[in-house]
Amino acid sequence: MRSGVSDVLPPAVRRSLIKFGSDLATARRKRGLTVLSVAERMGVSKNTYLRVEKGDPGVGLGVYAMALFVLGFGDPLRSLIDVSRDDVGLLLDEERLPKRVRMKKARVPRP
């Protein structure tokens, strides 16, 4: 069964996922772990973990994050997108700043 996202995935993103899955497979083999042992530690089926190693875009992000954790990479997703280093976002924020700031008039309560 193919995921709908596979049909619209840009080639560069697809290649990145395939490389990511391949890198996870390499890391698993370097640690001397079997597919089944990693899948069990992750709490997923063997087939789901094999999809991870293939870079399947239909696998949930949480499963990829758990694979990284089980293989000893800690929590790399924490700093993947850091708003303090988001140059585009910071520029957009700056563009939205008002040109002038005016004090609001205090409302006088009516008797």
PDB file of N, CA and C in Angstrom:
ATOM      1  N   MET A   1       0.842  -1.175   0.000  1.00  0.00           N
ATOM      2  CA  MET A   1       0.000   0.000   0.000  1.00  0.00           C
ATOM      3  C   MET A   1       0.891   1.243   0.000  1.00  0.00           C
ATOM      4  N   ARG A   2       0.638   2.133  -0.949  1.00  0.00           N
ATOM      5  CA  ARG A   2       1.426   3.359  -1.056  1.00  0.00           C
ATOM      6  C   ARG A   2       0.730   4.504  -0.367  1.00  0.00           C
ATOM      7  N   SER A   3       1.509   5.329   0.245  1.00  0.00           N
ATOM      8  CA  SER A   3       0.985   6.514   0.905  1.00  0.00           C
ATOM      9  C   SER A   3       0.740   7.594  -0.127  1.00  0.00           C
ATOM     10  N   GLY A   4      -0.267   8.432   0.073  1.00  0.00           N
ATOM     11  CA  GLY A   4      -0.546   9.528  -0.833  1.00  0.00           C
ATOM     12  C   GLY A   4       0.586  10.538  -0.886  1.00  0.00           C
ATOM     13  N   VAL A   5       1.328  10.661   0.199  1.00  0.00           N
ATOM     14  CA  VAL A   5       2.425  11.623   0.240  1.00  0.00           C
ATOM     15  C   VAL A   5       3.548  11.221  -0.717  1.00  0.00           C
ATOM     16  N   SER A   6       3.673   9.930  -0.995  1.00  0.00           N
ATOM     17  CA  SER A   6       4.721   9.465  -1.907  1.00  0.00           C
ATOM     18  C   SER A   6       4.550  10.041  -3.304  1.00  0.00           C
ATOM     19  N   ASP A   7       3.303  10.285  -3.676  1.00  0.00           N
ATOM     20  CA  ASP A   7       3.015  10.780  -5.017  1.00  0.00           C
ATOM     21  C   ASP A   7       3.405  12.245  -5.200  1.00  0.00           C
ATOM     22  N   VAL A   8       3.446  13.013  -4.138  1.00  0.00           N
ATOM     23  CA  VAL A   8       3.725  14.445  -4.248  1.00  0.00           C
ATOM     24  C   VAL A   8       5.076  14.836  -3.651  1.00  0.00           C
ATOM     25  N   LEU A   9       5.822  13.868  -3.170  1.00  0.00           N
ATOM     26  CA  LEU A   9       7.096  14.142  -2.528  1.00  0.00           C
ATOM     27  C   LEU A   9       8.123  14.629  -3.542  1.00  0.00           C
ATOM     28  N   PRO A  10       8.735  15.788  -3.307  1.00  0.00           N
ATOM     29  CA  PRO A  10       9.781  16.250  -4.224  1.00  0.00           C
ATOM     30  C   PRO A  10      10.944  15.259  -4.243  1.00  0.00           C
ATOM     31  N   PRO A  11      11.594  15.095  -5.389  1.00  0.00           N
ATOM     32  CA  PRO A  11      12.695  14.133  -5.496  1.00  0.00           C
ATOM     33  C   PRO A  11      13.804  14.341  -4.463  1.00  0.00           C
ATOM     34  N   ALA A  12      14.137  15.579  -4.164  1.00  0.00           N
ATOM     35  CA  ALA A  12      15.208  15.844  -3.188  1.00  0.00           C
ATOM     36  C   ALA A  12      14.819  15.350  -1.804  1.00  0.00           C
ATOM     37  N   VAL A  13      13.560  15.524  -1.428  1.00  0.00           N
ATOM     38  CA  VAL A  13      13.085  15.065  -0.128  1.00  0.00           C
ATOM     39  C   VAL A  13      13.070  13.542  -0.106  1.00  0.00           C
ATOM     40  N   ARG A  14      12.640  12.948  -1.186  1.00  0.00           N
ATOM     41  CA  ARG A  14      12.614  11.484  -1.285  1.00  0.00           C
ATOM     42  C   ARG A  14      14.018  10.902  -1.115  1.00  0.00           C
ATOM     43  N   ARG A  15      14.987  11.509  -1.819  1.00  0.00           N
ATOM     44  CA  ARG A  15      16.383  11.048  -1.699  1.00  0.00           C
ATOM     45  C   ARG A  15      16.890  11.207  -0.265  1.00  0.00           C
ATOM     46  N   SER A  16      16.510  12.295   0.392  1.00  0.00           N
ATOM     47  CA  SER A  16      16.928  12.523   1.782  1.00  0.00           C
ATOM     48  C   SER A  16      16.379  11.448   2.706  1.00  0.00           C
ATOM     49  N   LEU A  17      15.117  11.089   2.515  1.00  0.00           N
ATOM     50  CA  LEU A  17      14.517  10.049   3.350  1.00  0.00           C
ATOM     51  C   LEU A  17      15.182   8.695   3.105  1.00  0.00           C
ATOM     52  N   ILE A  18      15.473   8.393   1.840  1.00  0.00           N
ATOM     53  CA  ILE A  18      16.145   7.135   1.524  1.00  0.00           C
ATOM     54  C   ILE A  18      17.521   7.091   2.171  1.00  0.00           C
ATOM     55  N   LYS A  19      18.258   8.196   2.103  1.00  0.00           N
ATOM     56  CA  LYS A  19      19.584   8.254   2.729  1.00  0.00           C
ATOM     57  C   LYS A  19      19.462   8.133   4.248  1.00  0.00           C
ATOM     58  N   PHE A  20      18.462   8.804   4.819  1.00  0.00           N
ATOM     59  CA  PHE A  20      18.243   8.748   6.263  1.00  0.00           C
ATOM     60  C   PHE A  20      17.982   7.306   6.705  1.00  0.00           C
ATOM     61  N   GLY A  21      17.109   6.613   5.987  1.00  0.00           N
ATOM     62  CA  GLY A  21      16.825   5.220   6.298  1.00  0.00           C
ATOM     63  C   GLY A  21      18.056   4.346   6.163  1.00  0.00           C
ATOM     64  N   SER A  22      18.828   4.585   5.113  1.00  0.00           N
ATOM     65  CA  SER A  22      20.059   3.825   4.893  1.00  0.00           C
ATOM     66  C   SER A  22      21.066   4.076   6.015  1.00  0.00           C
ATOM     67  N   ASP A  23      21.147   5.326   6.447  1.00  0.00           N
ATOM     68  CA  ASP A  23      22.054   5.663   7.552  1.00  0.00           C
ATOM     69  C   ASP A  23      21.613   4.984   8.850  1.00  0.00           C
ATOM     70  N   LEU A  24      20.304   4.900   9.063  1.00  0.00           N
ATOM     71  CA  LEU A  24      19.807   4.191  10.250  1.00  0.00           C
ATOM     72  C   LEU A  24      20.172   2.706  10.174  1.00  0.00           C
ATOM     73  N   ALA A  25      20.046   2.123   8.986  1.00  0.00           N
ATOM     74  CA  ALA A  25      20.406   0.710   8.808  1.00  0.00           C
ATOM     75  C   ALA A  25      21.888   0.497   9.091  1.00  0.00           C
ATOM     76  N   THR A  26      22.719   1.408   8.601  1.00  0.00           N
ATOM     77  CA  THR A  26      24.160   1.310   8.836  1.00  0.00           C
ATOM     78  C   THR A  26      24.475   1.427  10.323  1.00  0.00           C
ATOM     79  N   ALA A  27      23.826   2.374  11.000  1.00  0.00           N
ATOM     80  CA  ALA A  27      24.048   2.561  12.433  1.00  0.00           C
ATOM     81  C   ALA A  27      23.627   1.306  13.201  1.00  0.00           C
ATOM     82  N   ARG A  28      22.515   0.706  12.802  1.00  0.00           N
ATOM     83  CA  ARG A  28      22.051  -0.515  13.467  1.00  0.00           C
ATOM     84  C   ARG A  28      23.065  -1.639  13.293  1.00  0.00           C
ATOM     85  N   ARG A  29      23.555  -1.814  12.065  1.00  0.00           N
ATOM     86  CA  ARG A  29      24.517  -2.885  11.806  1.00  0.00           C
ATOM     87  C   ARG A  29      25.835  -2.638  12.536  1.00  0.00           C
ATOM     88  N   LYS A  30      26.287  -1.389  12.611  1.00  0.00           N
ATOM     89  CA  LYS A  30      27.520  -1.079  13.342  1.00  0.00           C
ATOM     90  C   LYS A  30      27.403  -1.441  14.818  1.00  0.00           C
ATOM     91  N   ARG A  31      26.186  -1.341  15.347  1.00  0.00           N
ATOM     92  CA  ARG A  31      25.961  -1.657  16.756  1.00  0.00           C
ATOM     93  C   ARG A  31      25.716  -3.151  16.973  1.00  0.00           C
ATOM     94  N   GLY A  32      25.685  -3.915  15.889  1.00  0.00           N
ATOM     95  CA  GLY A  32      25.488  -5.354  15.981  1.00  0.00           C
ATOM     96  C   GLY A  32      24.077  -5.746  16.374  1.00  0.00           C
ATOM     97  N   LEU A  33      23.110  -4.915  16.025  1.00  0.00           N
ATOM     98  CA  LEU A  33      21.720  -5.177  16.389  1.00  0.00           C
ATOM     99  C   LEU A  33      20.960  -5.747  15.206  1.00  0.00           C
ATOM    100  N   THR A  34      20.039  -6.661  15.499  1.00  0.00           N
ATOM    101  CA  THR A  34      19.199  -7.210  14.436  1.00  0.00           C
ATOM    102  C   THR A  34      17.995  -6.300  14.212  1.00  0.00           C
ATOM    103  N   VAL A  35      17.378  -6.447  13.045  1.00  0.00           N
ATOM    104  CA  VAL A  35      16.158  -5.694  12.741  1.00  0.00           C
ATOM    105  C   VAL A  35      15.099  -5.996  13.794  1.00  0.00           C
ATOM    106  N   LEU A  36      14.947  -7.253  14.127  1.00  0.00           N
ATOM    107  CA  LEU A  36      13.925  -7.654  15.090  1.00  0.00           C
ATOM    108  C   LEU A  36      14.178  -7.059  16.472  1.00  0.00           C
ATOM    109  N   SER A  37      15.435  -7.039  16.928  1.00  0.00           N
ATOM    110  CA  SER A  37      15.713  -6.494  18.261  1.00  0.00           C
ATOM    111  C   SER A  37      15.436  -4.990  18.317  1.00  0.00           C
ATOM    112  N   VAL A  38      15.776  -4.268  17.254  1.00  0.00           N
ATOM    113  CA  VAL A  38      15.505  -2.821  17.240  1.00  0.00           C
ATOM    114  C   VAL A  38      14.000  -2.585  17.179  1.00  0.00           C
ATOM    115  N   ALA A  39      13.304  -3.335  16.353  1.00  0.00           N
ATOM    116  CA  ALA A  39      11.849  -3.189  16.249  1.00  0.00           C
ATOM    117  C   ALA A  39      11.183  -3.441  17.592  1.00  0.00           C
ATOM    118  N   GLU A  40      11.624  -4.472  18.300  1.00  0.00           N
ATOM    119  CA  GLU A  40      11.047  -4.770  19.615  1.00  0.00           C
ATOM    120  C   GLU A  40      11.317  -3.649  20.605  1.00  0.00           C
ATOM    121  N   ARG A  41      12.516  -3.115  20.597  1.00  0.00           N
ATOM    122  CA  ARG A  41      12.849  -2.014  21.511  1.00  0.00           C
ATOM    123  C   ARG A  41      12.021  -0.769  21.197  1.00  0.00           C
ATOM    124  N   MET A  42      11.692  -0.594  19.908  1.00  0.00           N
ATOM    125  CA  MET A  42      10.893   0.555  19.492  1.00  0.00           C
ATOM    126  C   MET A  42       9.409   0.345  19.750  1.00  0.00           C
ATOM    127  N   GLY A  43       9.000  -0.910  19.877  1.00  0.00           N
ATOM    128  CA  GLY A  43       7.589  -1.206  20.059  1.00  0.00           C
ATOM    129  C   GLY A  43       6.805  -1.214  18.758  1.00  0.00           C
ATOM    130  N   VAL A  44       7.490  -1.536  17.651  1.00  0.00           N
ATOM    131  CA  VAL A  44       6.829  -1.605  16.344  1.00  0.00           C
ATOM    132  C   VAL A  44       7.082  -2.986  15.741  1.00  0.00           C
ATOM    133  N   SER A  45       6.376  -3.269  14.666  1.00  0.00           N
ATOM    134  CA  SER A  45       6.586  -4.548  14.002  1.00  0.00           C
ATOM    135  C   SER A  45       7.888  -4.520  13.203  1.00  0.00           C
ATOM    136  N   LYS A  46       8.353  -5.705  12.871  1.00  0.00           N
ATOM    137  CA  LYS A  46       9.564  -5.825  12.056  1.00  0.00           C
ATOM    138  C   LYS A  46       9.353  -5.136  10.709  1.00  0.00           C
ATOM    139  N   ASN A  47       8.175  -5.313  10.119  1.00  0.00           N
ATOM    140  CA  ASN A  47       7.887  -4.693   8.816  1.00  0.00           C
ATOM    141  C   ASN A  47       7.905  -3.166   8.888  1.00  0.00           C
ATOM    142  N   THR A  48       7.384  -2.618   9.981  1.00  0.00           N
ATOM    143  CA  THR A  48       7.414  -1.151  10.137  1.00  0.00           C
ATOM    144  C   THR A  48       8.853  -0.671  10.219  1.00  0.00           C
ATOM    145  N   TYR A  49       9.680  -1.381  10.981  1.00  0.00           N
ATOM    146  CA  TYR A  49      11.075  -0.949  11.073  1.00  0.00           C
ATOM    147  C   TYR A  49      11.785  -1.086   9.725  1.00  0.00           C
ATOM    148  N   LEU A  50      11.476  -2.111   8.974  1.00  0.00           N
ATOM    149  CA  LEU A  50      12.085  -2.250   7.643  1.00  0.00           C
ATOM    150  C   LEU A  50      11.673  -1.085   6.736  1.00  0.00           C
ATOM    151  N   ARG A  51      10.448  -0.608   6.905  1.00  0.00           N
ATOM    152  CA  ARG A  51      10.012   0.573   6.141  1.00  0.00           C
ATOM    153  C   ARG A  51      10.825   1.808   6.543  1.00  0.00           C
ATOM    154  N   VAL A  52      11.165   1.904   7.821  1.00  0.00           N
ATOM    155  CA  VAL A  52      12.009   3.008   8.298  1.00  0.00           C
ATOM    156  C   VAL A  52      13.353   2.973   7.576  1.00  0.00           C
ATOM    157  N   GLU A  53      13.951   1.797   7.522  1.00  0.00           N
ATOM    158  CA  GLU A  53      15.270   1.677   6.888  1.00  0.00           C
ATOM    159  C   GLU A  53      15.215   1.917   5.383  1.00  0.00           C
ATOM    160  N   LYS A  54      14.033   1.832   4.807  1.00  0.00           N
ATOM    161  CA  LYS A  54      13.873   2.138   3.378  1.00  0.00           C
ATOM    162  C   LYS A  54      13.554   3.617   3.156  1.00  0.00           C
ATOM    163  N   GLY A  55      13.313   4.340   4.243  1.00  0.00           N
ATOM    164  CA  GLY A  55      12.986   5.763   4.120  1.00  0.00           C
ATOM    165  C   GLY A  55      11.566   6.002   3.660  1.00  0.00           C
ATOM    166  N   ASP A  56      10.663   5.150   4.055  1.00  0.00           N
ATOM    167  CA  ASP A  56       9.259   5.250   3.652  1.00  0.00           C
ATOM    168  C   ASP A  56       8.633   6.512   4.248  1.00  0.00           C
ATOM    169  N   PRO A  57       8.095   7.423   3.398  1.00  0.00           N
ATOM    170  CA  PRO A  57       7.502   8.656   3.906  1.00  0.00           C
ATOM    171  C   PRO A  57       6.174   8.443   4.616  1.00  0.00           C
ATOM    172  N   GLY A  58       5.599   7.251   4.494  1.00  0.00           N
ATOM    173  CA  GLY A  58       4.334   6.962   5.156  1.00  0.00           C
ATOM    174  C   GLY A  58       4.492   6.582   6.620  1.00  0.00           C
ATOM    175  N   VAL A  59       5.716   6.362   7.054  1.00  0.00           N
ATOM    176  CA  VAL A  59       5.969   6.025   8.454  1.00  0.00           C
ATOM    177  C   VAL A  59       5.933   7.320   9.262  1.00  0.00           C
ATOM    178  N   GLY A  60       5.290   7.259  10.412  1.00  0.00           N
ATOM    179  CA  GLY A  60       5.142   8.453  11.246  1.00  0.00           C
ATOM    180  C   GLY A  60       6.469   8.983  11.774  1.00  0.00           C
ATOM    181  N   LEU A  61       6.508  10.283  11.986  1.00  0.00           N
ATOM    182  CA  LEU A  61       7.714  10.932  12.498  1.00  0.00           C
ATOM    183  C   LEU A  61       8.107  10.380  13.865  1.00  0.00           C
ATOM    184  N   GLY A  62       7.122  10.012  14.663  1.00  0.00           N
ATOM    185  CA  GLY A  62       7.415   9.457  15.979  1.00  0.00           C
ATOM    186  C   GLY A  62       8.189   8.152  15.893  1.00  0.00           C
ATOM    187  N   VAL A  63       7.903   7.365  14.860  1.00  0.00           N
ATOM    188  CA  VAL A  63       8.616   6.095  14.682  1.00  0.00           C
ATOM    189  C   VAL A  63      10.073   6.379  14.314  1.00  0.00           C
ATOM    190  N   TYR A  64      10.297   7.346  13.427  1.00  0.00           N
ATOM    191  CA  TYR A  64      11.679   7.723  13.093  1.00  0.00           C
ATOM    192  C   TYR A  64      12.409   8.248  14.330  1.00  0.00           C
ATOM    193  N   ALA A  65      11.716   9.071  15.131  1.00  0.00           N
ATOM    194  CA  ALA A  65      12.333   9.619  16.344  1.00  0.00           C
ATOM    195  C   ALA A  65      12.688   8.504  17.320  1.00  0.00           C
ATOM    196  N   MET A  66      11.817   7.516  17.438  1.00  0.00           N
ATOM    197  CA  MET A  66      12.086   6.391  18.339  1.00  0.00           C
ATOM    198  C   MET A  66      13.260   5.571  17.837  1.00  0.00           C
ATOM    199  N   ALA A  67      13.377   5.407  16.511  1.00  0.00           N
ATOM    200  CA  ALA A  67      14.520   4.677  15.949  1.00  0.00           C
ATOM    201  C   ALA A  67      15.823   5.386  16.319  1.00  0.00           C
ATOM    202  N   LEU A  68      15.843   6.697  16.198  1.00  0.00           N
ATOM    203  CA  LEU A  68      17.037   7.456  16.570  1.00  0.00           C
ATOM    204  C   LEU A  68      17.367   7.266  18.042  1.00  0.00           C
ATOM    205  N   PHE A  69      16.350   7.301  18.873  1.00  0.00           N
ATOM    206  CA  PHE A  69      16.552   7.144  20.309  1.00  0.00           C
ATOM    207  C   PHE A  69      17.095   5.753  20.637  1.00  0.00           C
ATOM    208  N   VAL A  70      16.471   4.721  20.078  1.00  0.00           N
ATOM    209  CA  VAL A  70      16.883   3.344  20.355  1.00  0.00           C
ATOM    210  C   VAL A  70      18.311   3.095  19.889  1.00  0.00           C
ATOM    211  N   LEU A  71      18.700   3.734  18.795  1.00  0.00           N
ATOM    212  CA  LEU A  71      20.060   3.554  18.280  1.00  0.00           C
ATOM    213  C   LEU A  71      21.086   4.438  18.987  1.00  0.00           C
ATOM    214  N   GLY A  72      20.629   5.223  19.957  1.00  0.00           N
ATOM    215  CA  GLY A  72      21.562   5.992  20.782  1.00  0.00           C
ATOM    216  C   GLY A  72      21.868   7.394  20.292  1.00  0.00           C
ATOM    217  N   PHE A  73      21.007   7.948  19.457  1.00  0.00           N
ATOM    218  CA  PHE A  73      21.250   9.304  18.969  1.00  0.00           C
ATOM    219  C   PHE A  73      20.583  10.364  19.832  1.00  0.00           C
ATOM    220  N   GLY A  74      20.009   9.961  20.953  1.00  0.00           N
ATOM    221  CA  GLY A  74      19.412  10.919  21.872  1.00  0.00           C
ATOM    222  C   GLY A  74      18.155  11.542  21.308  1.00  0.00           C
ATOM    223  N   ASP A  75      18.092  12.870  21.354  1.00  0.00           N
ATOM    224  CA  ASP A  75      16.908  13.617  20.929  1.00  0.00           C
ATOM    225  C   ASP A  75      17.298  14.651  19.871  1.00  0.00           C
ATOM    226  N   PRO A  76      17.691  14.208  18.669  1.00  0.00           N
ATOM    227  CA  PRO A  76      18.153  15.150  17.659  1.00  0.00           C
ATOM    228  C   PRO A  76      17.047  16.021  17.076  1.00  0.00           C
ATOM    229  N   LEU A  77      15.780  15.631  17.246  1.00  0.00           N
ATOM    230  CA  LEU A  77      14.692  16.433  16.693  1.00  0.00           C
ATOM    231  C   LEU A  77      14.462  17.710  17.492  1.00  0.00           C
ATOM    232  N   ARG A  78      14.951  17.740  18.727  1.00  0.00           N
ATOM    233  CA  ARG A  78      14.758  18.916  19.583  1.00  0.00           C
ATOM    234  C   ARG A  78      15.313  20.187  18.938  1.00  0.00           C
ATOM    235  N   SER A  79      16.461  20.080  18.303  1.00  0.00           N
ATOM    236  CA  SER A  79      17.094  21.275  17.737  1.00  0.00           C
ATOM    237  C   SER A  79      17.021  21.315  16.215  1.00  0.00           C
ATOM    238  N   LEU A  80      16.214  20.444  15.630  1.00  0.00           N
ATOM    239  CA  LEU A  80      16.108  20.414  14.170  1.00  0.00           C
ATOM    240  C   LEU A  80      15.604  21.746  13.628  1.00  0.00           C
ATOM    241  N   ILE A  81      14.562  22.255  14.249  1.00  0.00           N
ATOM    242  CA  ILE A  81      14.046  23.569  13.862  1.00  0.00           C
ATOM    243  C   ILE A  81      14.079  24.437  15.111  1.00  0.00           C
ATOM    244  N   ASP A  82      15.031  25.341  15.147  1.00  0.00           N
ATOM    245  CA  ASP A  82      15.198  26.242  16.284  1.00  0.00           C
ATOM    246  C   ASP A  82      14.740  27.628  15.844  1.00  0.00           C
ATOM    247  N   VAL A  83      13.674  28.132  16.450  1.00  0.00           N
ATOM    248  CA  VAL A  83      13.108  29.402  16.013  1.00  0.00           C
ATOM    249  C   VAL A  83      14.098  30.560  16.134  1.00  0.00           C
ATOM    250  N   SER A  84      15.075  30.440  16.999  1.00  0.00           N
ATOM    251  CA  SER A  84      16.052  31.519  17.134  1.00  0.00           C
ATOM    252  C   SER A  84      17.034  31.549  15.957  1.00  0.00           C
ATOM    253  N   ARG A  85      17.078  30.446  15.182  1.00  0.00           N
ATOM    254  CA  ARG A  85      17.959  30.406  14.007  1.00  0.00           C
ATOM    255  C   ARG A  85      17.170  30.390  12.702  1.00  0.00           C
ATOM    256  N   ASP A  86      15.877  30.680  12.774  1.00  0.00           N
ATOM    257  CA  ASP A  86      15.002  30.693  11.600  1.00  0.00           C
ATOM    258  C   ASP A  86      15.110  32.055  10.918  1.00  0.00           C
ATOM    259  N   ASP A  87      16.084  32.184  10.016  1.00  0.00           N
ATOM    260  CA  ASP A  87      16.340  33.473   9.373  1.00  0.00           C
ATOM    261  C   ASP A  87      15.125  34.007   8.614  1.00  0.00           C
ATOM    262  N   VAL A  88      14.418  33.148   7.909  1.00  0.00           N
ATOM    263  CA  VAL A  88      13.238  33.591   7.160  1.00  0.00           C
ATOM    264  C   VAL A  88      12.161  34.069   8.125  1.00  0.00           C
ATOM    265  N   GLY A  89      11.907  33.296   9.176  1.00  0.00           N
ATOM    266  CA  GLY A  89      10.913  33.692  10.166  1.00  0.00           C
ATOM    267  C   GLY A  89      11.263  34.995  10.854  1.00  0.00           C
ATOM    268  N   LEU A  90      12.536  35.171  11.172  1.00  0.00           N
ATOM    269  CA  LEU A  90      12.968  36.410  11.824  1.00  0.00           C
ATOM    270  C   LEU A  90      12.799  37.609  10.899  1.00  0.00           C
ATOM    271  N   LEU A  91      13.091  37.427   9.612  1.00  0.00           N
ATOM    272  CA  LEU A  91      12.886  38.521   8.650  1.00  0.00           C
ATOM    273  C   LEU A  91      11.407  38.854   8.504  1.00  0.00           C
ATOM    274  N   LEU A  92      10.565  37.828   8.472  1.00  0.00           N
ATOM    275  CA  LEU A  92       9.122  38.069   8.372  1.00  0.00           C
ATOM    276  C   LEU A  92       8.611  38.806   9.596  1.00  0.00           C
ATOM    277  N   ASP A  93       9.095  38.441  10.781  1.00  0.00           N
ATOM    278  CA  ASP A  93       8.710  39.151  11.993  1.00  0.00           C
ATOM    279  C   ASP A  93       9.101  40.616  11.905  1.00  0.00           C
ATOM    280  N   GLU A  94      10.297  40.866  11.411  1.00  0.00           N
ATOM    281  CA  GLU A  94      10.785  42.239  11.299  1.00  0.00           C
ATOM    282  C   GLU A  94       9.936  43.042  10.326  1.00  0.00           C
ATOM    283  N   GLU A  95       9.517  42.420   9.227  1.00  0.00           N
ATOM    284  CA  GLU A  95       8.684  43.118   8.240  1.00  0.00           C
ATOM    285  C   GLU A  95       7.315  43.468   8.814  1.00  0.00           C
ATOM    286  N   ARG A  96       6.831  42.687   9.758  1.00  0.00           N
ATOM    287  CA  ARG A  96       5.502  42.915  10.337  1.00  0.00           C
ATOM    288  C   ARG A  96       5.491  43.993  11.415  1.00  0.00           C
ATOM    289  N   LEU A  97       6.660  44.423  11.834  1.00  0.00           N
ATOM    290  CA  LEU A  97       6.711  45.450  12.871  1.00  0.00           C
ATOM    291  C   LEU A  97       6.091  46.740  12.352  1.00  0.00           C
ATOM    292  N   PRO A  98       5.347  47.428  13.196  1.00  0.00           N
ATOM    293  CA  PRO A  98       4.751  48.687  12.745  1.00  0.00           C
ATOM    294  C   PRO A  98       5.832  49.738  12.507  1.00  0.00           C
ATOM    295  N   LYS A  99       5.556  50.612  11.550  1.00  0.00           N
ATOM    296  CA  LYS A  99       6.503  51.693  11.249  1.00  0.00           C
ATOM    297  C   LYS A  99       6.494  52.734  12.365  1.00  0.00           C
ATOM    298  N   ARG A 100       5.329  52.961  12.925  1.00  0.00           N
ATOM    299  CA  ARG A 100       5.195  53.924  14.012  1.00  0.00           C
ATOM    300  C   ARG A 100       4.390  53.296  15.134  1.00  0.00           C
ATOM    301  N   VAL A 101       4.685  53.723  16.332  1.00  0.00           N
ATOM    302  CA  VAL A 101       3.934  53.267  17.489  1.00  0.00           C
ATOM    303  C   VAL A 101       3.276  54.482  18.113  1.00  0.00           C
ATOM    304  N   ARG A 102       1.963  54.401  18.317  1.00  0.00           N
ATOM    305  CA  ARG A 102       1.221  55.522  18.903  1.00  0.00           C
ATOM    306  C   ARG A 102       0.640  55.087  20.237  1.00  0.00           C
ATOM    307  N   MET A 103       0.630  56.016  21.137  1.00  0.00           N
ATOM    308  CA  MET A 103       0.035  55.757  22.442  1.00  0.00           C
ATOM    309  C   MET A 103      -1.487  55.753  22.279  1.00  0.00           C
ATOM    310  N   LYS A 104      -2.139  54.832  22.929  1.00  0.00           N
ATOM    311  CA  LYS A 104      -3.596  54.795  22.889  1.00  0.00           C
ATOM    312  C   LYS A 104      -4.129  55.839  23.849  1.00  0.00           C
ATOM    313  N   LYS A 105      -5.172  56.508  23.412  1.00  0.00           N
ATOM    314  CA  LYS A 105      -5.798  57.507  24.268  1.00  0.00           C
ATOM    315  C   LYS A 105      -6.570  56.789  25.372  1.00  0.00           C
ATOM    316  N   ALA A 106      -6.420  57.339  26.554  1.00  0.00           N
ATOM    317  CA  ALA A 106      -7.140  56.766  27.678  1.00  0.00           C
ATOM    318  C   ALA A 106      -8.618  57.115  27.544  1.00  0.00           C
ATOM    319  N   ARG A 107      -9.456  56.157  27.729  1.00  0.00           N
ATOM    320  CA  ARG A 107     -10.883  56.385  27.647  1.00  0.00           C
ATOM    321  C   ARG A 107     -11.373  56.955  28.969  1.00  0.00           C
ATOM    322  N   VAL A 108     -12.162  57.974  28.849  1.00  0.00           N
ATOM    323  CA  VAL A 108     -12.763  58.598  30.042  1.00  0.00           C
ATOM    324  C   VAL A 108     -14.136  57.953  30.222  1.00  0.00           C
ATOM    325  N   PRO A 109     -14.358  57.371  31.399  1.00  0.00           N
ATOM    326  CA  PRO A 109     -15.685  56.736  31.602  1.00  0.00           C
ATOM    327  C   PRO A 109     -16.798  57.752  31.584  1.00  0.00           C
ATOM    328  N   ARG A 110     -17.878  57.390  30.953  1.00  0.00           N
ATOM    329  CA  ARG A 110     -19.052  58.286  30.872  1.00  0.00           C
ATOM    330  C   ARG A 110     -19.907  58.123  32.123  1.00  0.00           C
ATOM    331  N   PRO A 111     -20.403  59.262  32.620  1.00  0.00           N
ATOM    332  CA  PRO A 111     -21.242  59.188  33.828  1.00  0.00           C
ATOM    333  C   PRO A 111     -22.595  58.613  33.593  1.00  0.00           C
TER     334      PRO A 111
END
